N, C-alpha and C. Protein backbone atom coordinates (compact mmCIF):
# COMPACT_ATOMS: atom_id res chain seq x y z
N MET A 1 -233.26 11.47 10.28
CA MET A 1 -233.86 12.71 10.72
C MET A 1 -233.09 13.88 10.13
N ASP A 2 -233.74 14.99 9.97
CA ASP A 2 -233.15 16.15 9.35
C ASP A 2 -231.99 16.70 10.17
N ARG A 3 -230.86 16.89 9.53
CA ARG A 3 -229.65 17.33 10.22
C ARG A 3 -229.79 18.73 10.83
N ILE A 4 -230.46 19.64 10.13
CA ILE A 4 -230.66 21.00 10.66
C ILE A 4 -231.50 20.95 11.93
N PHE A 5 -232.54 20.12 11.92
CA PHE A 5 -233.39 19.97 13.10
C PHE A 5 -232.58 19.39 14.27
N GLU A 6 -231.75 18.40 13.99
CA GLU A 6 -230.95 17.78 15.04
C GLU A 6 -229.98 18.79 15.66
N ARG A 7 -229.37 19.63 14.83
CA ARG A 7 -228.45 20.64 15.35
C ARG A 7 -229.20 21.66 16.20
N ARG A 8 -230.38 22.08 15.75
CA ARG A 8 -231.17 23.03 16.53
C ARG A 8 -231.59 22.42 17.86
N LYS A 9 -231.93 21.15 17.83
CA LYS A 9 -232.32 20.46 19.05
C LYS A 9 -231.17 20.46 20.06
N THR A 10 -229.96 20.29 19.58
CA THR A 10 -228.78 20.33 20.44
C THR A 10 -228.61 21.72 21.05
N LEU A 11 -228.81 22.75 20.23
CA LEU A 11 -228.73 24.13 20.73
C LEU A 11 -229.81 24.36 21.78
N HIS A 12 -231.01 23.89 21.52
CA HIS A 12 -232.12 24.06 22.47
C HIS A 12 -231.78 23.40 23.82
N GLU A 13 -231.26 22.19 23.77
CA GLU A 13 -230.90 21.49 25.00
C GLU A 13 -229.83 22.25 25.78
N LEU A 14 -228.89 22.83 25.07
CA LEU A 14 -227.85 23.62 25.72
C LEU A 14 -228.44 24.87 26.36
N LEU A 15 -229.32 25.56 25.65
CA LEU A 15 -229.97 26.76 26.20
C LEU A 15 -230.83 26.41 27.41
N MET A 16 -231.46 25.25 27.37
CA MET A 16 -232.31 24.82 28.49
C MET A 16 -231.51 24.66 29.78
N LYS A 17 -230.23 24.38 29.66
CA LYS A 17 -229.40 24.22 30.86
C LYS A 17 -229.27 25.53 31.62
N SER A 18 -229.46 26.65 30.93
CA SER A 18 -229.35 27.94 31.61
C SER A 18 -230.66 28.37 32.25
N ASN A 19 -231.78 27.99 31.65
CA ASN A 19 -233.08 28.49 32.08
C ASN A 19 -234.17 27.52 31.63
N PRO A 20 -234.26 26.34 32.23
CA PRO A 20 -235.10 25.28 31.70
C PRO A 20 -236.56 25.61 31.47
N ALA A 21 -237.18 26.39 32.32
CA ALA A 21 -238.62 26.61 32.18
C ALA A 21 -238.96 27.67 31.15
N CYS A 22 -237.97 28.43 30.72
CA CYS A 22 -238.28 29.61 29.93
C CYS A 22 -237.42 29.74 28.68
N CYS A 23 -237.38 28.72 27.88
CA CYS A 23 -236.62 28.74 26.64
C CYS A 23 -237.59 28.48 25.49
N TYR A 24 -237.69 29.43 24.57
CA TYR A 24 -238.69 29.35 23.52
C TYR A 24 -238.04 29.44 22.15
N PHE A 25 -238.43 28.55 21.23
CA PHE A 25 -237.99 28.61 19.84
C PHE A 25 -239.13 29.15 19.00
N GLN A 26 -238.92 30.30 18.39
CA GLN A 26 -239.89 30.96 17.52
C GLN A 26 -241.31 30.89 18.08
N PRO A 27 -241.54 31.46 19.28
CA PRO A 27 -242.88 31.37 19.88
C PRO A 27 -243.89 32.20 19.09
N PRO A 28 -245.14 31.75 19.02
CA PRO A 28 -246.18 32.55 18.38
C PRO A 28 -246.33 33.90 19.09
N ASP A 29 -246.84 34.89 18.38
CA ASP A 29 -246.99 36.25 18.93
C ASP A 29 -247.82 36.29 20.20
N ASN A 30 -248.79 35.41 20.34
CA ASN A 30 -249.68 35.46 21.51
C ASN A 30 -249.15 34.66 22.71
N THR A 31 -247.90 34.19 22.65
CA THR A 31 -247.32 33.43 23.75
C THR A 31 -246.98 34.35 24.91
N LYS A 32 -247.45 34.02 26.11
CA LYS A 32 -247.11 34.78 27.31
C LYS A 32 -245.82 34.19 27.87
N LEU A 33 -244.77 35.00 27.86
CA LEU A 33 -243.46 34.54 28.31
C LEU A 33 -243.32 34.66 29.81
N ALA A 34 -242.60 33.73 30.41
CA ALA A 34 -242.23 33.81 31.82
C ALA A 34 -240.79 34.32 31.86
N TYR A 35 -240.52 35.31 32.68
CA TYR A 35 -239.19 35.93 32.72
C TYR A 35 -238.40 35.48 33.93
N PRO A 36 -237.09 35.38 33.83
CA PRO A 36 -236.27 35.64 32.65
C PRO A 36 -236.56 34.59 31.57
N ALA A 37 -236.38 35.01 30.32
CA ALA A 37 -236.71 34.13 29.20
C ALA A 37 -235.63 34.21 28.13
N ILE A 38 -235.46 33.09 27.47
CA ILE A 38 -234.60 33.02 26.29
C ILE A 38 -235.51 32.72 25.11
N VAL A 39 -235.45 33.57 24.09
CA VAL A 39 -236.23 33.39 22.87
C VAL A 39 -235.25 33.38 21.72
N TYR A 40 -235.32 32.35 20.91
CA TYR A 40 -234.41 32.30 19.77
C TYR A 40 -235.15 31.91 18.51
N ASN A 41 -234.60 32.33 17.37
CA ASN A 41 -235.17 31.97 16.09
C ASN A 41 -234.08 31.89 15.04
N ARG A 42 -234.41 31.19 13.99
CA ARG A 42 -233.45 30.98 12.92
C ARG A 42 -233.51 32.16 11.97
N LYS A 43 -232.36 32.60 11.55
CA LYS A 43 -232.23 33.68 10.58
C LYS A 43 -231.76 33.06 9.27
N ARG A 44 -230.73 33.59 8.72
CA ARG A 44 -230.18 33.04 7.47
C ARG A 44 -229.22 31.89 7.81
N GLY A 45 -228.53 31.40 6.79
CA GLY A 45 -227.56 30.35 7.02
C GLY A 45 -226.27 30.62 6.27
N ASN A 46 -225.24 29.91 6.63
CA ASN A 46 -223.95 30.01 5.97
C ASN A 46 -223.75 28.72 5.18
N VAL A 47 -223.63 28.85 3.86
CA VAL A 47 -223.50 27.68 3.00
C VAL A 47 -222.09 27.65 2.42
N ASN A 48 -221.45 26.49 2.50
CA ASN A 48 -220.16 26.26 1.84
C ASN A 48 -220.38 25.26 0.72
N TYR A 49 -219.76 25.55 -0.43
CA TYR A 49 -219.93 24.69 -1.60
C TYR A 49 -218.62 24.00 -1.97
N ALA A 50 -218.74 22.82 -2.54
CA ALA A 50 -217.63 22.11 -3.14
C ALA A 50 -218.17 21.40 -4.38
N ASP A 51 -217.51 21.55 -5.50
CA ASP A 51 -217.97 20.97 -6.77
C ASP A 51 -219.42 21.37 -7.08
N ASN A 52 -219.74 22.64 -6.82
CA ASN A 52 -221.07 23.19 -7.08
C ASN A 52 -222.20 22.49 -6.33
N LYS A 53 -221.85 21.87 -5.21
CA LYS A 53 -222.85 21.23 -4.35
C LYS A 53 -222.66 21.76 -2.93
N VAL A 54 -223.74 21.71 -2.17
CA VAL A 54 -223.64 22.14 -0.78
C VAL A 54 -222.75 21.15 -0.03
N TYR A 55 -221.67 21.69 0.52
CA TYR A 55 -220.73 20.88 1.28
C TYR A 55 -221.06 20.94 2.78
N ALA A 56 -221.37 22.13 3.25
CA ALA A 56 -221.68 22.32 4.67
C ALA A 56 -222.66 23.47 4.81
N TYR A 57 -223.52 23.38 5.80
CA TYR A 57 -224.50 24.44 6.08
C TYR A 57 -224.62 24.61 7.59
N LYS A 58 -224.58 25.85 8.03
CA LYS A 58 -224.85 26.17 9.44
C LYS A 58 -225.86 27.29 9.46
N ALA A 59 -226.91 27.09 10.24
CA ALA A 59 -227.94 28.11 10.38
C ALA A 59 -227.48 29.17 11.37
N LEU A 60 -227.87 30.41 11.12
CA LEU A 60 -227.61 31.50 12.06
C LEU A 60 -228.84 31.66 12.93
N TYR A 61 -228.62 31.64 14.24
CA TYR A 61 -229.72 31.83 15.19
C TYR A 61 -229.53 33.14 15.93
N GLU A 62 -230.62 33.87 16.08
CA GLU A 62 -230.63 35.07 16.91
C GLU A 62 -231.24 34.66 18.24
N ILE A 63 -230.53 34.95 19.32
CA ILE A 63 -230.97 34.57 20.65
C ILE A 63 -231.15 35.84 21.46
N LYS A 64 -232.34 36.01 22.04
CA LYS A 64 -232.61 37.17 22.89
C LYS A 64 -232.87 36.69 24.31
N VAL A 65 -232.21 37.35 25.25
CA VAL A 65 -232.41 37.04 26.66
C VAL A 65 -233.15 38.22 27.28
N PHE A 66 -234.34 37.96 27.81
CA PHE A 66 -235.17 38.98 28.45
C PHE A 66 -235.08 38.78 29.95
N ASP A 67 -234.71 39.84 30.68
CA ASP A 67 -234.55 39.73 32.12
C ASP A 67 -234.86 41.08 32.76
N THR A 68 -235.49 41.05 33.93
CA THR A 68 -235.75 42.29 34.66
C THR A 68 -234.47 42.82 35.30
N ASN A 69 -233.49 41.95 35.49
CA ASN A 69 -232.21 42.32 36.11
C ASN A 69 -231.30 42.94 35.06
N PRO A 70 -230.89 44.21 35.24
CA PRO A 70 -230.00 44.83 34.25
C PRO A 70 -228.62 44.18 34.20
N ASP A 71 -228.22 43.51 35.28
CA ASP A 71 -226.96 42.78 35.32
C ASP A 71 -227.23 41.28 35.24
N SER A 72 -227.98 40.90 34.26
CA SER A 72 -228.41 39.51 34.11
C SER A 72 -227.24 38.54 34.11
N PRO A 73 -227.35 37.46 34.89
CA PRO A 73 -226.29 36.44 34.89
C PRO A 73 -226.25 35.66 33.57
N PHE A 74 -227.29 35.80 32.75
CA PHE A 74 -227.34 35.07 31.49
C PHE A 74 -226.33 35.60 30.48
N LEU A 75 -225.92 36.86 30.62
CA LEU A 75 -224.90 37.41 29.72
C LEU A 75 -223.63 36.59 29.85
N SER A 76 -223.14 36.43 31.07
CA SER A 76 -221.91 35.63 31.28
C SER A 76 -222.14 34.18 30.89
N TRP A 77 -223.30 33.65 31.25
CA TRP A 77 -223.58 32.25 30.96
C TRP A 77 -223.50 31.99 29.46
N MET A 78 -224.12 32.85 28.68
CA MET A 78 -224.13 32.68 27.22
C MET A 78 -222.70 32.72 26.67
N LEU A 79 -221.92 33.69 27.12
CA LEU A 79 -220.56 33.85 26.61
C LEU A 79 -219.66 32.68 27.00
N GLU A 80 -219.91 32.10 28.16
CA GLU A 80 -219.08 31.00 28.65
C GLU A 80 -219.51 29.62 28.15
N ASN A 81 -220.77 29.48 27.74
CA ASN A 81 -221.30 28.14 27.43
C ASN A 81 -221.75 27.89 26.00
N ILE A 82 -221.89 28.93 25.21
CA ILE A 82 -222.33 28.75 23.82
C ILE A 82 -221.13 29.01 22.91
N PRO A 83 -220.53 27.97 22.35
CA PRO A 83 -219.35 28.17 21.50
C PRO A 83 -219.65 29.04 20.29
N GLY A 84 -218.81 30.04 20.06
CA GLY A 84 -218.94 30.90 18.89
C GLY A 84 -220.01 31.98 18.98
N VAL A 85 -220.61 32.17 20.15
CA VAL A 85 -221.68 33.16 20.28
C VAL A 85 -221.12 34.58 20.22
N ASN A 86 -221.88 35.48 19.63
CA ASN A 86 -221.55 36.90 19.60
C ASN A 86 -222.61 37.68 20.37
N HIS A 87 -222.17 38.62 21.20
CA HIS A 87 -223.11 39.51 21.89
C HIS A 87 -223.26 40.73 21.01
N ASN A 88 -224.44 40.90 20.41
CA ASN A 88 -224.66 41.95 19.41
C ASN A 88 -225.12 43.27 19.99
N SER A 89 -226.01 43.21 20.98
CA SER A 89 -226.53 44.47 21.52
C SER A 89 -227.27 44.24 22.83
N HIS A 90 -227.58 45.36 23.48
CA HIS A 90 -228.36 45.38 24.71
C HIS A 90 -229.30 46.57 24.61
N TYR A 91 -230.55 46.37 25.01
CA TYR A 91 -231.51 47.48 25.07
C TYR A 91 -232.56 47.17 26.12
N THR A 92 -233.35 48.17 26.48
CA THR A 92 -234.44 47.97 27.42
C THR A 92 -235.76 48.28 26.73
N THR A 93 -236.79 47.53 27.12
CA THR A 93 -238.12 47.74 26.57
C THR A 93 -239.15 47.23 27.58
N ASN A 94 -240.16 48.02 27.85
CA ASN A 94 -241.24 47.64 28.77
C ASN A 94 -240.71 47.12 30.11
N GLY A 95 -239.67 47.74 30.64
CA GLY A 95 -239.12 47.34 31.92
C GLY A 95 -238.25 46.09 31.89
N LEU A 96 -237.98 45.59 30.71
CA LEU A 96 -237.13 44.41 30.56
C LEU A 96 -235.81 44.78 29.90
N ASN A 97 -234.76 44.12 30.33
CA ASN A 97 -233.45 44.26 29.71
C ASN A 97 -233.30 43.14 28.70
N VAL A 98 -232.86 43.49 27.51
CA VAL A 98 -232.76 42.50 26.44
C VAL A 98 -231.31 42.47 25.94
N ASP A 99 -230.71 41.29 25.99
CA ASP A 99 -229.40 41.07 25.40
C ASP A 99 -229.61 40.23 24.14
N VAL A 100 -229.00 40.69 23.04
CA VAL A 100 -229.17 40.00 21.76
C VAL A 100 -227.85 39.35 21.37
N PHE A 101 -227.95 38.06 21.02
CA PHE A 101 -226.78 37.28 20.64
C PHE A 101 -227.04 36.65 19.27
N SER A 102 -225.97 36.24 18.62
CA SER A 102 -226.11 35.44 17.40
C SER A 102 -225.06 34.35 17.42
N VAL A 103 -225.42 33.22 16.80
CA VAL A 103 -224.49 32.09 16.73
C VAL A 103 -224.82 31.25 15.49
N TYR A 104 -223.77 30.85 14.79
CA TYR A 104 -223.95 29.86 13.72
C TYR A 104 -223.92 28.50 14.39
N TRP A 105 -224.95 27.70 14.14
CA TRP A 105 -225.03 26.41 14.82
C TRP A 105 -225.40 25.32 13.85
């Protein structure tokens, strides 16, 4: 099985532990989200080379947590449970608080 898919599946399972019913990977635009929600998608990747061949690859994922609670417990949960995660920003939109994270996985 594809190694990138397997790694993403592991990330998904870990995210599900925080909010099992509401974890979405690259949902289509017409998806109605249930809040609080975690939405994540793959961005670029980090490639390491050896002898002009790919030695290691880690995909960068952007993870957004949508919550009506401005003091969302998911902020602490993400920082404590996702190794290497970075908290990039926080903003509000349409009455929702959004915390944006990134992680190489």
